[in-house]
């Protein structure tokens, strides 16, 4: 799996394109990108969960972030609606 490299100053659109190029439509950037050390709000399109992640964390060792629903953390959706998908 390719690692996203976030270097230099990116515009919001450039950041969104890098995320889309790496993750496809799995996530949607909901808040404005304001720098690699600032949090952005992301929506997991499968379940609708919103969560914050520091932009630079998108370039972790394996280049993979997970929605809280994917690793058993608290999330806002009703459990039955998750299993109905």
C-alpha atoms as a PDB file:
ATOM      1  CA  UNK A   1       0.000   0.000   0.000  1.00  0.00           C
ATOM      2  CA  UNK A   2       1.316   3.415  -0.965  1.00  0.00           C
ATOM      3  CA  UNK A   3       1.896   6.006   1.757  1.00  0.00           C
ATOM      4  CA  UNK A   4       0.480   9.505   1.293  1.00  0.00           C
ATOM      5  CA  UNK A   5       3.205  12.103   1.583  1.00  0.00           C
ATOM      6  CA  UNK A   6       1.905  15.451   2.771  1.00  0.00           C
ATOM      7  CA  UNK A   7       4.710  17.918   2.353  1.00  0.00           C
ATOM      8  CA  UNK A   8       4.898  21.629   1.695  1.00  0.00           C
ATOM      9  CA  UNK A   9       1.845  23.819   1.767  1.00  0.00           C
ATOM     10  CA  UNK A  10      -1.218  22.281   0.245  1.00  0.00           C
ATOM     11  CA  UNK A  11      -4.464  23.979  -0.574  1.00  0.00           C
ATOM     12  CA  UNK A  12      -7.675  22.446   0.699  1.00  0.00           C
ATOM     13  CA  UNK A  13      -8.418  21.099  -2.792  1.00  0.00           C
ATOM     14  CA  UNK A  14      -4.939  19.571  -3.152  1.00  0.00           C
ATOM     15  CA  UNK A  15      -5.294  17.885   0.239  1.00  0.00           C
ATOM     16  CA  UNK A  16      -8.740  16.516  -0.648  1.00  0.00           C
ATOM     17  CA  UNK A  17      -7.385  15.177  -3.949  1.00  0.00           C
ATOM     18  CA  UNK A  18      -4.487  13.408  -2.190  1.00  0.00           C
ATOM     19  CA  UNK A  19      -6.909  11.789   0.266  1.00  0.00           C
ATOM     20  CA  UNK A  20      -9.280  10.766  -2.535  1.00  0.00           C
ATOM     21  CA  UNK A  21      -6.435   9.394  -4.658  1.00  0.00           C
ATOM     22  CA  UNK A  22      -5.339   7.212  -1.744  1.00  0.00           C
ATOM     23  CA  UNK A  23      -8.640   6.170  -0.129  1.00  0.00           C
ATOM     24  CA  UNK A  24     -11.099   6.558  -3.014  1.00  0.00           C
ATOM     25  CA  UNK A  25     -14.584   7.418  -1.838  1.00  0.00           C
ATOM     26  CA  UNK A  26     -14.180   5.643   1.517  1.00  0.00           C
ATOM     27  CA  UNK A  27     -13.846   9.006   3.313  1.00  0.00           C
ATOM     28  CA  UNK A  28     -15.043  12.548   2.704  1.00  0.00           C
ATOM     29  CA  UNK A  29     -13.247  15.584   4.127  1.00  0.00           C
ATOM     30  CA  UNK A  30     -15.927  17.593   5.937  1.00  0.00           C
ATOM     31  CA  UNK A  31     -13.943  20.455   7.472  1.00  0.00           C
ATOM     32  CA  UNK A  32     -11.442  22.868   5.969  1.00  0.00           C
ATOM     33  CA  UNK A  33      -7.818  21.677   5.690  1.00  0.00           C
ATOM     34  CA  UNK A  34      -5.662  24.222   7.552  1.00  0.00           C
ATOM     35  CA  UNK A  35      -2.279  22.504   7.681  1.00  0.00           C
ATOM     36  CA  UNK A  36      -0.707  19.115   8.254  1.00  0.00           C
ATOM     37  CA  UNK A  37      -0.636  19.470  12.062  1.00  0.00           C
ATOM     38  CA  UNK A  38      -4.267  20.565  12.367  1.00  0.00           C
ATOM     39  CA  UNK A  39      -7.208  18.190  12.727  1.00  0.00           C
ATOM     40  CA  UNK A  40      -9.686  17.708   9.906  1.00  0.00           C
ATOM     41  CA  UNK A  41     -13.129  16.179  10.272  1.00  0.00           C
ATOM     42  CA  UNK A  42     -13.681  13.144   8.085  1.00  0.00           C
ATOM     43  CA  UNK A  43     -16.881  11.243   7.266  1.00  0.00           C
ATOM     44  CA  UNK A  44     -16.732   7.495   6.747  1.00  0.00           C
ATOM     45  CA  UNK A  45     -19.082   7.162   3.780  1.00  0.00           C
ATOM     46  CA  UNK A  46     -20.113   3.580   4.553  1.00  0.00           C
ATOM     47  CA  UNK A  47     -21.599   4.280   7.985  1.00  0.00           C
ATOM     48  CA  UNK A  48     -21.708   8.093   8.152  1.00  0.00           C
ATOM     49  CA  UNK A  49     -19.530   8.366  11.265  1.00  0.00           C
ATOM     50  CA  UNK A  50     -17.745  11.714  11.648  1.00  0.00           C
ATOM     51  CA  UNK A  51     -14.360  11.777  13.360  1.00  0.00           C
ATOM     52  CA  UNK A  52     -11.325  14.022  13.592  1.00  0.00           C
ATOM     53  CA  UNK A  53      -7.832  13.074  12.494  1.00  0.00           C
ATOM     54  CA  UNK A  54      -4.671  15.163  12.328  1.00  0.00           C
ATOM     55  CA  UNK A  55      -3.922  15.574   8.621  1.00  0.00           C
ATOM     56  CA  UNK A  56      -0.341  14.304   9.008  1.00  0.00           C
ATOM     57  CA  UNK A  57      -1.702  11.047  10.485  1.00  0.00           C
ATOM     58  CA  UNK A  58      -2.962  10.194   7.023  1.00  0.00           C
ATOM     59  CA  UNK A  59       0.664   9.400   6.193  1.00  0.00           C
ATOM     60  CA  UNK A  60       1.245   6.803   8.902  1.00  0.00           C
ATOM     61  CA  UNK A  61       3.607   3.870   8.387  1.00  0.00           C
ATOM     62  CA  UNK A  62       1.030   1.854   6.473  1.00  0.00           C
ATOM     63  CA  UNK A  63      -0.854   4.886   5.157  1.00  0.00           C
ATOM     64  CA  UNK A  64      -4.173   3.622   6.430  1.00  0.00           C
ATOM     65  CA  UNK A  65      -6.689   5.226   8.762  1.00  0.00           C
ATOM     66  CA  UNK A  66      -9.782   3.482  10.040  1.00  0.00           C
ATOM     67  CA  UNK A  67     -13.207   4.668  11.046  1.00  0.00           C
ATOM     68  CA  UNK A  68     -13.948   4.140  14.744  1.00  0.00           C
ATOM     69  CA  UNK A  69     -16.717   1.725  13.705  1.00  0.00           C
ATOM     70  CA  UNK A  70     -14.077  -0.490  12.086  1.00  0.00           C
ATOM     71  CA  UNK A  71     -12.148  -1.060  15.291  1.00  0.00           C
ATOM     72  CA  UNK A  72     -14.951  -1.232  17.810  1.00  0.00           C
ATOM     73  CA  UNK A  73     -14.899   2.304  19.275  1.00  0.00           C
ATOM     74  CA  UNK A  74     -18.020   4.280  20.149  1.00  0.00           C
ATOM     75  CA  UNK A  75     -19.884   5.665  17.182  1.00  0.00           C
ATOM     76  CA  UNK A  76     -23.094   7.599  16.692  1.00  0.00           C
ATOM     77  CA  UNK A  77     -24.989   5.210  14.470  1.00  0.00           C
ATOM     78  CA  UNK A  78     -27.524   2.691  15.741  1.00  0.00           C
ATOM     79  CA  UNK A  79     -26.009  -0.821  15.667  1.00  0.00           C
ATOM     80  CA  UNK A  80     -28.952  -2.188  13.718  1.00  0.00           C
ATOM     81  CA  UNK A  81     -28.450   0.317  10.907  1.00  0.00           C
ATOM     82  CA  UNK A  82     -24.797  -0.743  10.621  1.00  0.00           C
ATOM     83  CA  UNK A  83     -25.725  -4.404  10.167  1.00  0.00           C
ATOM     84  CA  UNK A  84     -28.491  -3.496   7.710  1.00  0.00           C
ATOM     85  CA  UNK A  85     -25.905  -2.122   5.267  1.00  0.00           C
END
